[in-house]
Amino acid sequence: MRTVQAFTGEERAVRLYREALENTYKYGRKAGLTKGLGLGSMHCVLFLSWALLVWFTSVVVHKDIADGGKSFTTMLNVVIAGL
C-alpha cells in the first residue's frame, strides 16, 4: 500500500481492482445460475420419480396385487438402488 501511495497511483490501482472484481462477479453470477438450474432440474426429476413410485405402490396395494409389506420393501429397494 505504501508503494502505491508513494507513486500516487492509488486511483489507477483502485480502478484496475474494480474492473477485475466486475469480471469475476459476472462470471460468478453465470456459474451460479447454471449450477442452480442444473441441480434444481435434477432434484425435480428425482422427486417426481419418487412420487410416481409411491403412487404406483399405492395402486398395487389398493388392487390387492401385493400386500403392503412387500410393496413397501420393494419401494425402498428401488429408492436405495437408485442412489
PDB file of N, CA and C in Angstrom:
ATOM      1  N   MET A   1       0.833  -1.198   0.000  1.00  0.00           N
ATOM      2  CA  MET A   1       0.000   0.000   0.000  1.00  0.00           C
ATOM      3  C   MET A   1       0.868   1.248   0.000  1.00  0.00           C
ATOM      4  N   ARG A   2       1.987   1.227   0.714  1.00  0.00           N
ATOM      5  CA  ARG A   2       2.854   2.406   0.750  1.00  0.00           C
ATOM      6  C   ARG A   2       3.444   2.686  -0.629  1.00  0.00           C
ATOM      7  N   THR A   3       3.765   1.642  -1.384  1.00  0.00           N
ATOM      8  CA  THR A   3       4.334   1.833  -2.717  1.00  0.00           C
ATOM      9  C   THR A   3       3.325   2.518  -3.627  1.00  0.00           C
ATOM     10  N   VAL A   4       2.073   2.103  -3.554  1.00  0.00           N
ATOM     11  CA  VAL A   4       1.037   2.719  -4.380  1.00  0.00           C
ATOM     12  C   VAL A   4       0.854   4.174  -4.007  1.00  0.00           C
ATOM     13  N   GLN A   5       0.832   4.468  -2.722  1.00  0.00           N
ATOM     14  CA  GLN A   5       0.654   5.849  -2.281  1.00  0.00           C
ATOM     15  C   GLN A   5       1.880   6.700  -2.596  1.00  0.00           C
ATOM     16  N   ALA A   6       3.055   6.127  -2.525  1.00  0.00           N
ATOM     17  CA  ALA A   6       4.266   6.898  -2.774  1.00  0.00           C
ATOM     18  C   ALA A   6       4.338   7.373  -4.219  1.00  0.00           C
ATOM     19  N   PHE A   7       3.831   6.590  -5.151  1.00  0.00           N
ATOM     20  CA  PHE A   7       3.877   6.973  -6.560  1.00  0.00           C
ATOM     21  C   PHE A   7       2.556   7.552  -7.048  1.00  0.00           C
ATOM     22  N   THR A   8       1.653   7.866  -6.159  1.00  0.00           N
ATOM     23  CA  THR A   8       0.331   8.458  -6.440  1.00  0.00           C
ATOM     24  C   THR A   8      -0.427   7.673  -7.513  1.00  0.00           C
ATOM     25  N   GLY A   9      -0.436   6.348  -7.391  1.00  0.00           N
ATOM     26  CA  GLY A   9      -1.150   5.509  -8.344  1.00  0.00           C
ATOM     27  C   GLY A   9      -2.357   4.832  -7.729  1.00  0.00           C
ATOM     28  N   GLU A  10      -2.861   5.381  -6.609  1.00  0.00           N
ATOM     29  CA  GLU A  10      -3.965   4.708  -5.935  1.00  0.00           C
ATOM     30  C   GLU A  10      -5.250   4.707  -6.748  1.00  0.00           C
ATOM     31  N   GLU A  11      -5.504   5.798  -7.501  1.00  0.00           N
ATOM     32  CA  GLU A  11      -6.724   5.818  -8.316  1.00  0.00           C
ATOM     33  C   GLU A  11      -6.671   4.728  -9.400  1.00  0.00           C
ATOM     34  N   ARG A  12      -5.530   4.580 -10.027  1.00  0.00           N
ATOM     35  CA  ARG A  12      -5.368   3.554 -11.060  1.00  0.00           C
ATOM     36  C   ARG A  12      -5.481   2.153 -10.461  1.00  0.00           C
ATOM     37  N   ALA A  13      -4.879   1.940  -9.299  1.00  0.00           N
ATOM     38  CA  ALA A  13      -4.935   0.628  -8.649  1.00  0.00           C
ATOM     39  C   ALA A  13      -6.365   0.274  -8.258  1.00  0.00           C
ATOM     40  N   VAL A  14      -7.101   1.255  -7.759  1.00  0.00           N
ATOM     41  CA  VAL A  14      -8.498   1.018  -7.375  1.00  0.00           C
ATOM     42  C   VAL A  14      -9.339   0.719  -8.604  1.00  0.00           C
ATOM     43  N   ARG A  15      -9.113   1.430  -9.708  1.00  0.00           N
ATOM     44  CA  ARG A  15      -9.859   1.202 -10.943  1.00  0.00           C
ATOM     45  C   ARG A  15      -9.591  -0.197 -11.503  1.00  0.00           C
ATOM     46  N   LEU A  16      -8.329  -0.602 -11.528  1.00  0.00           N
ATOM     47  CA  LEU A  16      -7.988  -1.932 -12.016  1.00  0.00           C
ATOM     48  C   LEU A  16      -8.583  -3.023 -11.131  1.00  0.00           C
ATOM     49  N   TYR A  17      -8.562  -2.797  -9.832  1.00  0.00           N
ATOM     50  CA  TYR A  17      -9.132  -3.778  -8.907  1.00  0.00           C
ATOM     51  C   TYR A  17     -10.640  -3.886  -9.103  1.00  0.00           C
ATOM     52  N   ARG A  18     -11.301  -2.750  -9.290  1.00  0.00           N
ATOM     53  CA  ARG A  18     -12.742  -2.751  -9.510  1.00  0.00           C
ATOM     54  C   ARG A  18     -13.090  -3.477 -10.810  1.00  0.00           C
ATOM     55  N   GLU A  19     -12.331  -3.260 -11.867  1.00  0.00           N
ATOM     56  CA  GLU A  19     -12.577  -3.945 -13.135  1.00  0.00           C
ATOM     57  C   GLU A  19     -12.389  -5.449 -12.995  1.00  0.00           C
ATOM     58  N   ALA A  20     -11.368  -5.861 -12.255  1.00  0.00           N
ATOM     59  CA  ALA A  20     -11.145  -7.293 -12.029  1.00  0.00           C
ATOM     60  C   ALA A  20     -12.299  -7.900 -11.237  1.00  0.00           C
ATOM     61  N   LEU A  21     -12.812  -7.176 -10.262  1.00  0.00           N
ATOM     62  CA  LEU A  21     -13.945  -7.670  -9.482  1.00  0.00           C
ATOM     63  C   LEU A  21     -15.210  -7.761 -10.325  1.00  0.00           C
ATOM     64  N   GLU A  22     -15.422  -6.823 -11.235  1.00  0.00           N
ATOM     65  CA  GLU A  22     -16.625  -6.858 -12.069  1.00  0.00           C
ATOM     66  C   GLU A  22     -16.627  -8.087 -12.976  1.00  0.00           C
ATOM     67  N   ASN A  23     -15.485  -8.411 -13.565  1.00  0.00           N
ATOM     68  CA  ASN A  23     -15.406  -9.603 -14.414  1.00  0.00           C
ATOM     69  C   ASN A  23     -15.661 -10.868 -13.602  1.00  0.00           C
ATOM     70  N   THR A  24     -15.084 -10.943 -12.427  1.00  0.00           N
ATOM     71  CA  THR A  24     -15.284 -12.096 -11.560  1.00  0.00           C
ATOM     72  C   THR A  24     -16.738 -12.195 -11.117  1.00  0.00           C
ATOM     73  N   TYR A  25     -17.356 -11.063 -10.821  1.00  0.00           N
ATOM     74  CA  TYR A  25     -18.752 -11.040 -10.389  1.00  0.00           C
ATOM     75  C   TYR A  25     -19.674 -11.543 -11.501  1.00  0.00           C
ATOM     76  N   LYS A  26     -19.432 -11.086 -12.739  1.00  0.00           N
ATOM     77  CA  LYS A  26     -20.262 -11.533 -13.863  1.00  0.00           C
ATOM     78  C   LYS A  26     -20.123 -13.040 -14.083  1.00  0.00           C
ATOM     79  N   TYR A  27     -18.897 -13.543 -14.011  1.00  0.00           N
ATOM     80  CA  TYR A  27     -18.681 -14.978 -14.185  1.00  0.00           C
ATOM     81  C   TYR A  27     -19.337 -15.763 -13.047  1.00  0.00           C
ATOM     82  N   GLY A  28     -19.233 -15.268 -11.837  1.00  0.00           N
ATOM     83  CA  GLY A  28     -19.838 -15.944 -10.685  1.00  0.00           C
ATOM     84  C   GLY A  28     -21.349 -16.023 -10.778  1.00  0.00           C
ATOM     85  N   ARG A  29     -21.968 -14.959 -11.274  1.00  0.00           N
ATOM     86  CA  ARG A  29     -23.429 -14.983 -11.440  1.00  0.00           C
ATOM     87  C   ARG A  29     -23.852 -16.010 -12.480  1.00  0.00           C
ATOM     88  N   LYS A  30     -23.143 -16.066 -13.604  1.00  0.00           N
ATOM     89  CA  LYS A  30     -23.474 -17.042 -14.644  1.00  0.00           C
ATOM     90  C   LYS A  30     -23.262 -18.461 -14.151  1.00  0.00           C
ATOM     91  N   ALA A  31     -22.151 -18.682 -13.468  1.00  0.00           N
ATOM     92  CA  ALA A  31     -21.860 -20.027 -12.963  1.00  0.00           C
ATOM     93  C   ALA A  31     -22.886 -20.439 -11.914  1.00  0.00           C
ATOM     94  N   GLY A  32     -23.250 -19.534 -11.032  1.00  0.00           N
ATOM     95  CA  GLY A  32     -24.244 -19.837 -10.006  1.00  0.00           C
ATOM     96  C   GLY A  32     -25.607 -20.143 -10.593  1.00  0.00           C
ATOM     97  N   LEU A  33     -26.008 -19.383 -11.597  1.00  0.00           N
ATOM     98  CA  LEU A  33     -27.294 -19.627 -12.245  1.00  0.00           C
ATOM     99  C   LEU A  33     -27.305 -20.984 -12.947  1.00  0.00           C
ATOM    100  N   THR A  34     -26.216 -21.300 -13.637  1.00  0.00           N
ATOM    101  CA  THR A  34     -26.133 -22.581 -14.331  1.00  0.00           C
ATOM    102  C   THR A  34     -26.171 -23.745 -13.359  1.00  0.00           C
ATOM    103  N   LYS A  35     -25.397 -23.650 -12.308  1.00  0.00           N
ATOM    104  CA  LYS A  35     -25.378 -24.728 -11.314  1.00  0.00           C
ATOM    105  C   LYS A  35     -26.729 -24.860 -10.614  1.00  0.00           C
ATOM    106  N   GLY A  36     -27.356 -23.741 -10.312  1.00  0.00           N
ATOM    107  CA  GLY A  36     -28.656 -23.783  -9.660  1.00  0.00           C
ATOM    108  C   GLY A  36     -29.734 -24.406 -10.526  1.00  0.00           C
ATOM    109  N   LEU A  37     -29.752 -24.039 -11.797  1.00  0.00           N
ATOM    110  CA  LEU A  37     -30.744 -24.622 -12.703  1.00  0.00           C
ATOM    111  C   LEU A  37     -30.501 -26.111 -12.910  1.00  0.00           C
ATOM    112  N   GLY A  38     -29.245 -26.504 -13.032  1.00  0.00           N
ATOM    113  CA  GLY A  38     -28.936 -27.920 -13.209  1.00  0.00           C
ATOM    114  C   GLY A  38     -29.315 -28.752 -11.996  1.00  0.00           C
ATOM    115  N   LEU A  39     -28.947 -28.269 -10.826  1.00  0.00           N
ATOM    116  CA  LEU A  39     -29.269 -29.002  -9.596  1.00  0.00           C
ATOM    117  C   LEU A  39     -30.768 -29.011  -9.340  1.00  0.00           C
ATOM    118  N   GLY A  40     -31.448 -27.902  -9.617  1.00  0.00           N
ATOM    119  CA  GLY A  40     -32.891 -27.850  -9.442  1.00  0.00           C
ATOM    120  C   GLY A  40     -33.621 -28.797 -10.378  1.00  0.00           C
ATOM    121  N   SER A  41     -33.166 -28.877 -11.613  1.00  0.00           N
ATOM    122  CA  SER A  41     -33.783 -29.802 -12.570  1.00  0.00           C
ATOM    123  C   SER A  41     -33.579 -31.248 -12.143  1.00  0.00           C
ATOM    124  N   MET A  42     -32.376 -31.546 -11.664  1.00  0.00           N
ATOM    125  CA  MET A  42     -32.095 -32.911 -11.223  1.00  0.00           C
ATOM    126  C   MET A  42     -32.971 -33.293 -10.025  1.00  0.00           C
ATOM    127  N   HIS A  43     -33.116 -32.395  -9.081  1.00  0.00           N
ATOM    128  CA  HIS A  43     -33.967 -32.683  -7.925  1.00  0.00           C
ATOM    129  C   HIS A  43     -35.432 -32.805  -8.333  1.00  0.00           C
ATOM    130  N   CYS A  44     -35.863 -32.007  -9.283  1.00  0.00           N
ATOM    131  CA  CYS A  44     -37.241 -32.097  -9.763  1.00  0.00           C
ATOM    132  C   CYS A  44     -37.526 -33.476 -10.335  1.00  0.00           C
ATOM    133  N   VAL A  45     -36.644 -33.953 -11.193  1.00  0.00           N
ATOM    134  CA  VAL A  45     -36.825 -35.281 -11.783  1.00  0.00           C
ATOM    135  C   VAL A  45     -36.783 -36.354 -10.707  1.00  0.00           C
ATOM    136  N   LEU A  46     -35.869 -36.234  -9.763  1.00  0.00           N
ATOM    137  CA  LEU A  46     -35.734 -37.219  -8.693  1.00  0.00           C
ATOM    138  C   LEU A  46     -37.011 -37.303  -7.855  1.00  0.00           C
ATOM    139  N   PHE A  47     -37.519 -36.168  -7.407  1.00  0.00           N
ATOM    140  CA  PHE A  47     -38.703 -36.185  -6.541  1.00  0.00           C
ATOM    141  C   PHE A  47     -39.962 -36.586  -7.303  1.00  0.00           C
ATOM    142  N   LEU A  48     -40.057 -36.213  -8.571  1.00  0.00           N
ATOM    143  CA  LEU A  48     -41.207 -36.646  -9.360  1.00  0.00           C
ATOM    144  C   LEU A  48     -41.194 -38.157  -9.582  1.00  0.00           C
ATOM    145  N   SER A  49     -40.005 -38.729  -9.772  1.00  0.00           N
ATOM    146  CA  SER A  49     -39.936 -40.182  -9.935  1.00  0.00           C
ATOM    147  C   SER A  49     -40.276 -40.893  -8.628  1.00  0.00           C
ATOM    148  N   TRP A  50     -39.866 -40.328  -7.503  1.00  0.00           N
ATOM    149  CA  TRP A  50     -40.248 -40.918  -6.213  1.00  0.00           C
ATOM    150  C   TRP A  50     -41.760 -40.832  -6.006  1.00  0.00           C
ATOM    151  N   ALA A  51     -42.358 -39.720  -6.401  1.00  0.00           N
ATOM    152  CA  ALA A  51     -43.809 -39.578  -6.272  1.00  0.00           C
ATOM    153  C   ALA A  51     -44.534 -40.593  -7.139  1.00  0.00           C
ATOM    154  N   LEU A  52     -44.044 -40.826  -8.352  1.00  0.00           N
ATOM    155  CA  LEU A  52     -44.631 -41.832  -9.227  1.00  0.00           C
ATOM    156  C   LEU A  52     -44.498 -43.223  -8.613  1.00  0.00           C
ATOM    157  N   LEU A  53     -43.370 -43.517  -7.994  1.00  0.00           N
ATOM    158  CA  LEU A  53     -43.151 -44.803  -7.351  1.00  0.00           C
ATOM    159  C   LEU A  53     -44.130 -45.016  -6.191  1.00  0.00           C
ATOM    160  N   VAL A  54     -44.316 -43.997  -5.368  1.00  0.00           N
ATOM    161  CA  VAL A  54     -45.247 -44.114  -4.242  1.00  0.00           C
ATOM    162  C   VAL A  54     -46.675 -44.278  -4.749  1.00  0.00           C
ATOM    163  N   TRP A  55     -47.042 -43.528  -5.780  1.00  0.00           N
ATOM    164  CA  TRP A  55     -48.389 -43.651  -6.331  1.00  0.00           C
ATOM    165  C   TRP A  55     -48.622 -45.057  -6.893  1.00  0.00           C
ATOM    166  N   PHE A  56     -47.671 -45.571  -7.656  1.00  0.00           N
ATOM    167  CA  PHE A  56     -47.829 -46.896  -8.248  1.00  0.00           C
ATOM    168  C   PHE A  56     -47.899 -47.970  -7.154  1.00  0.00           C
ATOM    169  N   THR A  57     -47.115 -47.824  -6.105  1.00  0.00           N
ATOM    170  CA  THR A  57     -47.175 -48.773  -4.988  1.00  0.00           C
ATOM    171  C   THR A  57     -48.539 -48.742  -4.328  1.00  0.00           C
ATOM    172  N   SER A  58     -49.115 -47.556  -4.174  1.00  0.00           N
ATOM    173  CA  SER A  58     -50.439 -47.468  -3.557  1.00  0.00           C
ATOM    174  C   SER A  58     -51.506 -48.123  -4.447  1.00  0.00           C
ATOM    175  N   VAL A  59     -51.367 -48.000  -5.759  1.00  0.00           N
ATOM    176  CA  VAL A  59     -52.313 -48.643  -6.669  1.00  0.00           C
ATOM    177  C   VAL A  59     -52.205 -50.155  -6.559  1.00  0.00           C
ATOM    178  N   VAL A  60     -50.978 -50.671  -6.499  1.00  0.00           N
ATOM    179  CA  VAL A  60     -50.758 -52.119  -6.396  1.00  0.00           C
ATOM    180  C   VAL A  60     -51.370 -52.654  -5.101  1.00  0.00           C
ATOM    181  N   VAL A  61     -51.206 -51.939  -4.007  1.00  0.00           N
ATOM    182  CA  VAL A  61     -51.763 -52.386  -2.729  1.00  0.00           C
ATOM    183  C   VAL A  61     -53.282 -52.273  -2.751  1.00  0.00           C
ATOM    184  N   HIS A  62     -53.803 -51.192  -3.324  1.00  0.00           N
ATOM    185  CA  HIS A  62     -55.246 -50.981  -3.348  1.00  0.00           C
ATOM    186  C   HIS A  62     -55.965 -52.054  -4.175  1.00  0.00           C
ATOM    187  N   LYS A  63     -55.361 -52.519  -5.249  1.00  0.00           N
ATOM    188  CA  LYS A  63     -55.974 -53.542  -6.092  1.00  0.00           C
ATOM    189  C   LYS A  63     -55.665 -54.957  -5.628  1.00  0.00           C
ATOM    190  N   ASP A  64     -55.062 -55.107  -4.470  1.00  0.00           N
ATOM    191  CA  ASP A  64     -54.720 -56.403  -3.861  1.00  0.00           C
ATOM    192  C   ASP A  64     -53.817 -57.263  -4.752  1.00  0.00           C
ATOM    193  N   ILE A  65     -52.936 -56.626  -5.496  1.00  0.00           N
ATOM    194  CA  ILE A  65     -51.944 -57.357  -6.287  1.00  0.00           C
ATOM    195  C   ILE A  65     -50.827 -57.842  -5.371  1.00  0.00           C
ATOM    196  N   ALA A  66     -50.478 -57.037  -4.390  1.00  0.00           N
ATOM    197  CA  ALA A  66     -49.462 -57.408  -3.398  1.00  0.00           C
ATOM    198  C   ALA A  66     -49.853 -56.773  -2.069  1.00  0.00           C
ATOM    199  N   ASP A  67     -49.309 -57.303  -0.969  1.00  0.00           N
ATOM    200  CA  ASP A  67     -49.625 -56.714   0.330  1.00  0.00           C
ATOM    201  C   ASP A  67     -48.712 -55.505   0.589  1.00  0.00           C
ATOM    202  N   GLY A  68     -49.043 -54.767   1.621  1.00  0.00           N
ATOM    203  CA  GLY A  68     -48.331 -53.521   1.919  1.00  0.00           C
ATOM    204  C   GLY A  68     -46.876 -53.721   2.279  1.00  0.00           C
ATOM    205  N   GLY A  69     -46.570 -54.777   3.033  1.00  0.00           N
ATOM    206  CA  GLY A  69     -45.194 -55.007   3.465  1.00  0.00           C
ATOM    207  C   GLY A  69     -44.254 -55.282   2.305  1.00  0.00           C
ATOM    208  N   LYS A  70     -44.670 -56.167   1.406  1.00  0.00           N
ATOM    209  CA  LYS A  70     -43.833 -56.478   0.249  1.00  0.00           C
ATOM    210  C   LYS A  70     -43.702 -55.263  -0.681  1.00  0.00           C
ATOM    211  N   SER A  71     -44.782 -54.533  -0.835  1.00  0.00           N
ATOM    212  CA  SER A  71     -44.736 -53.355  -1.698  1.00  0.00           C
ATOM    213  C   SER A  71     -43.817 -52.287  -1.119  1.00  0.00           C
ATOM    214  N   PHE A  72     -43.895 -52.099   0.191  1.00  0.00           N
ATOM    215  CA  PHE A  72     -43.044 -51.103   0.843  1.00  0.00           C
ATOM    216  C   PHE A  72     -41.577 -51.515   0.749  1.00  0.00           C
ATOM    217  N   THR A  73     -41.298 -52.796   0.962  1.00  0.00           N
ATOM    218  CA  THR A  73     -39.922 -53.288   0.857  1.00  0.00           C
ATOM    219  C   THR A  73     -39.391 -53.112  -0.560  1.00  0.00           C
ATOM    220  N   THR A  74     -40.207 -53.423  -1.549  1.00  0.00           N
ATOM    221  CA  THR A  74     -39.792 -53.242  -2.947  1.00  0.00           C
ATOM    222  C   THR A  74     -39.549 -51.771  -3.255  1.00  0.00           C
ATOM    223  N   MET A  75     -40.412 -50.906  -2.749  1.00  0.00           N
ATOM    224  CA  MET A  75     -40.252 -49.481  -2.977  1.00  0.00           C
ATOM    225  C   MET A  75     -38.949 -48.978  -2.367  1.00  0.00           C
ATOM    226  N   LEU A  76     -38.637 -49.381  -1.158  1.00  0.00           N
ATOM    227  CA  LEU A  76     -37.377 -48.963  -0.528  1.00  0.00           C
ATOM    228  C   LEU A  76     -36.166 -49.501  -1.282  1.00  0.00           C
ATOM    229  N   ASN A  77     -36.269 -50.734  -1.769  1.00  0.00           N
ATOM    230  CA  ASN A  77     -35.161 -51.299  -2.546  1.00  0.00           C
ATOM    231  C   ASN A  77     -34.919 -50.509  -3.836  1.00  0.00           C
ATOM    232  N   VAL A  78     -35.987 -50.106  -4.481  1.00  0.00           N
ATOM    233  CA  VAL A  78     -35.846 -49.323  -5.717  1.00  0.00           C
ATOM    234  C   VAL A  78     -35.215 -47.971  -5.407  1.00  0.00           C
ATOM    235  N   VAL A  79     -35.651 -47.301  -4.345  1.00  0.00           N
ATOM    236  CA  VAL A  79     -35.119 -45.989  -3.988  1.00  0.00           C
ATOM    237  C   VAL A  79     -33.647 -46.092  -3.607  1.00  0.00           C
ATOM    238  N   ILE A  80     -33.304 -47.078  -2.779  1.00  0.00           N
ATOM    239  CA  ILE A  80     -31.909 -47.214  -2.345  1.00  0.00           C
ATOM    240  C   ILE A  80     -31.007 -47.625  -3.504  1.00  0.00           C
ATOM    241  N   ALA A  81     -31.503 -48.483  -4.389  1.00  0.00           N
ATOM    242  CA  ALA A  81     -30.707 -48.884  -5.544  1.00  0.00           C
ATOM    243  C   ALA A  81     -30.486 -47.714  -6.504  1.00  0.00           C
ATOM    244  N   GLY A  82     -31.415 -46.798  -6.524  1.00  0.00           N
ATOM    245  CA  GLY A  82     -31.268 -45.633  -7.398  1.00  0.00           C
ATOM    246  C   GLY A  82     -30.286 -44.628  -6.884  1.00  0.00           C
ATOM    247  N   LEU A  83     -29.928 -44.711  -5.621  1.00  0.00           N
ATOM    248  CA  LEU A  83     -28.961 -43.748  -5.081  1.00  0.00           C
ATOM    249  C   LEU A  83     -27.597 -44.107  -5.578  1.00  0.00           C
TER     250      LEU A  83
END
